[in-house]
């Protein structure tokens, strides 16, 4: 899950106005990461092939972009609103 941590930390450093915890990001993206890892594992030749590093970086960029889309989506905005609402009730 290094990819998720890296992507999450990069986004956190951008000081996004949304509040989201790593667990929510991880729950959302774990299936995406697992599918991509499975693709790498199915071809051991790919691991040693030239350009793998650029593919890994491409995957990281995909994850970052997807997290940004998730953060700006209505689903996450609603989640944040619910958390704020619960905090006000306490």
C-alpha atoms as a PDB file:
ATOM      1  CA  UNK A   1       0.000   0.000   0.000  1.00  0.00           C
ATOM      2  CA  UNK A   2       3.004   2.278  -0.445  1.00  0.00           C
ATOM      3  CA  UNK A   3       1.332   3.728  -3.545  1.00  0.00           C
ATOM      4  CA  UNK A   4      -1.719   4.850  -1.569  1.00  0.00           C
ATOM      5  CA  UNK A   5       0.430   6.369   1.173  1.00  0.00           C
ATOM      6  CA  UNK A   6       2.552   8.240  -1.367  1.00  0.00           C
ATOM      7  CA  UNK A   7      -0.465   9.516  -3.282  1.00  0.00           C
ATOM      8  CA  UNK A   8      -2.276  10.476  -0.085  1.00  0.00           C
ATOM      9  CA  UNK A   9       0.747  12.331   1.308  1.00  0.00           C
ATOM     10  CA  UNK A  10       1.254  14.207  -1.964  1.00  0.00           C
ATOM     11  CA  UNK A  11      -2.356  15.335  -1.923  1.00  0.00           C
ATOM     12  CA  UNK A  12      -2.178  16.277   1.756  1.00  0.00           C
ATOM     13  CA  UNK A  13       0.836  18.446   0.983  1.00  0.00           C
ATOM     14  CA  UNK A  14      -1.298  20.331  -1.546  1.00  0.00           C
ATOM     15  CA  UNK A  15      -3.468  21.539   1.386  1.00  0.00           C
ATOM     16  CA  UNK A  16      -6.727  20.444  -0.173  1.00  0.00           C
ATOM     17  CA  UNK A  17      -9.740  22.039   1.479  1.00  0.00           C
ATOM     18  CA  UNK A  18     -11.393  18.659   2.028  1.00  0.00           C
ATOM     19  CA  UNK A  19     -10.999  16.480   5.090  1.00  0.00           C
ATOM     20  CA  UNK A  20     -10.550  12.807   4.416  1.00  0.00           C
ATOM     21  CA  UNK A  21      -8.736  10.151   6.342  1.00  0.00           C
ATOM     22  CA  UNK A  22      -6.338   7.631   4.904  1.00  0.00           C
ATOM     23  CA  UNK A  23      -8.611   4.710   5.800  1.00  0.00           C
ATOM     24  CA  UNK A  24     -11.374   6.033   3.518  1.00  0.00           C
ATOM     25  CA  UNK A  25      -8.882   6.527   0.700  1.00  0.00           C
ATOM     26  CA  UNK A  26      -7.447   3.069   1.265  1.00  0.00           C
ATOM     27  CA  UNK A  27     -10.889   1.412   1.324  1.00  0.00           C
ATOM     28  CA  UNK A  28     -11.767   3.123  -1.938  1.00  0.00           C
ATOM     29  CA  UNK A  29      -8.521   2.424  -3.791  1.00  0.00           C
ATOM     30  CA  UNK A  30      -7.424  -0.976  -2.481  1.00  0.00           C
ATOM     31  CA  UNK A  31      -9.362  -2.838  -5.228  1.00  0.00           C
ATOM     32  CA  UNK A  32      -7.779  -0.584  -7.875  1.00  0.00           C
ATOM     33  CA  UNK A  33      -4.279  -1.211  -6.511  1.00  0.00           C
ATOM     34  CA  UNK A  34      -4.846  -4.959  -6.186  1.00  0.00           C
ATOM     35  CA  UNK A  35      -5.948  -5.223  -9.826  1.00  0.00           C
ATOM     36  CA  UNK A  36      -2.870  -3.349 -10.997  1.00  0.00           C
ATOM     37  CA  UNK A  37      -0.545  -5.404  -8.774  1.00  0.00           C
ATOM     38  CA  UNK A  38      -2.123  -8.573 -10.161  1.00  0.00           C
ATOM     39  CA  UNK A  39      -1.349  -7.376 -13.685  1.00  0.00           C
ATOM     40  CA  UNK A  40       2.317  -6.906 -12.728  1.00  0.00           C
ATOM     41  CA  UNK A  41       2.520 -10.303 -11.028  1.00  0.00           C
ATOM     42  CA  UNK A  42       1.060 -12.156 -14.016  1.00  0.00           C
ATOM     43  CA  UNK A  43       4.084 -11.219 -16.077  1.00  0.00           C
ATOM     44  CA  UNK A  44       7.404 -11.600 -14.289  1.00  0.00           C
ATOM     45  CA  UNK A  45       9.144 -10.451 -17.488  1.00  0.00           C
ATOM     46  CA  UNK A  46       7.351  -7.129 -17.197  1.00  0.00           C
ATOM     47  CA  UNK A  47       9.001  -6.474 -13.821  1.00  0.00           C
ATOM     48  CA  UNK A  48      12.460  -6.557 -15.420  1.00  0.00           C
ATOM     49  CA  UNK A  49      11.427  -4.898 -18.649  1.00  0.00           C
ATOM     50  CA  UNK A  50      12.569  -1.363 -19.523  1.00  0.00           C
ATOM     51  CA  UNK A  51      10.001   1.283 -18.755  1.00  0.00           C
ATOM     52  CA  UNK A  52       8.513  -0.406 -15.689  1.00  0.00           C
ATOM     53  CA  UNK A  53       9.484   2.551 -13.523  1.00  0.00           C
ATOM     54  CA  UNK A  54       7.587   4.899 -15.835  1.00  0.00           C
ATOM     55  CA  UNK A  55       4.552   2.583 -15.629  1.00  0.00           C
ATOM     56  CA  UNK A  56       4.733   2.636 -11.835  1.00  0.00           C
ATOM     57  CA  UNK A  57       4.944   6.440 -11.911  1.00  0.00           C
ATOM     58  CA  UNK A  58       2.033   6.463 -14.325  1.00  0.00           C
ATOM     59  CA  UNK A  59       0.057   4.352 -11.857  1.00  0.00           C
ATOM     60  CA  UNK A  60       0.895   6.773  -9.043  1.00  0.00           C
ATOM     61  CA  UNK A  61      -0.296   9.671 -11.163  1.00  0.00           C
ATOM     62  CA  UNK A  62      -3.480   7.737 -11.947  1.00  0.00           C
ATOM     63  CA  UNK A  63      -4.072   7.160  -8.231  1.00  0.00           C
ATOM     64  CA  UNK A  64      -3.427  10.823  -7.373  1.00  0.00           C
ATOM     65  CA  UNK A  65      -5.794  11.963 -10.108  1.00  0.00           C
ATOM     66  CA  UNK A  66      -8.429   9.488  -8.959  1.00  0.00           C
ATOM     67  CA  UNK A  67      -8.107  10.616  -5.337  1.00  0.00           C
ATOM     68  CA  UNK A  68      -8.514  14.221  -6.453  1.00  0.00           C
ATOM     69  CA  UNK A  69     -11.659  13.233  -8.338  1.00  0.00           C
ATOM     70  CA  UNK A  70     -12.878  11.344  -5.284  1.00  0.00           C
ATOM     71  CA  UNK A  71     -12.189  14.290  -3.005  1.00  0.00           C
ATOM     72  CA  UNK A  72     -14.152  16.648  -5.197  1.00  0.00           C
ATOM     73  CA  UNK A  73     -17.001  14.230  -5.766  1.00  0.00           C
ATOM     74  CA  UNK A  74     -20.373  14.635  -4.124  1.00  0.00           C
ATOM     75  CA  UNK A  75     -19.852  11.394  -2.191  1.00  0.00           C
ATOM     76  CA  UNK A  76     -16.857  12.725  -0.274  1.00  0.00           C
ATOM     77  CA  UNK A  77     -18.364  16.187   0.141  1.00  0.00           C
ATOM     78  CA  UNK A  78     -21.383  14.493   1.727  1.00  0.00           C
ATOM     79  CA  UNK A  79     -19.136  12.364   3.955  1.00  0.00           C
ATOM     80  CA  UNK A  80     -17.352  15.465   5.207  1.00  0.00           C
ATOM     81  CA  UNK A  81     -20.671  17.213   5.816  1.00  0.00           C
ATOM     82  CA  UNK A  82     -21.898  14.207   7.820  1.00  0.00           C
ATOM     83  CA  UNK A  83     -18.743  14.210   9.939  1.00  0.00           C
ATOM     84  CA  UNK A  84     -19.083  17.936  10.594  1.00  0.00           C
ATOM     85  CA  UNK A  85     -22.738  17.430  11.506  1.00  0.00           C
ATOM     86  CA  UNK A  86     -21.902  14.595  13.932  1.00  0.00           C
ATOM     87  CA  UNK A  87     -19.178  16.716  15.540  1.00  0.00           C
ATOM     88  CA  UNK A  88     -21.671  19.535  16.130  1.00  0.00           C
ATOM     89  CA  UNK A  89     -24.052  17.116  17.871  1.00  0.00           C
ATOM     90  CA  UNK A  90     -21.385  16.087  20.404  1.00  0.00           C
END
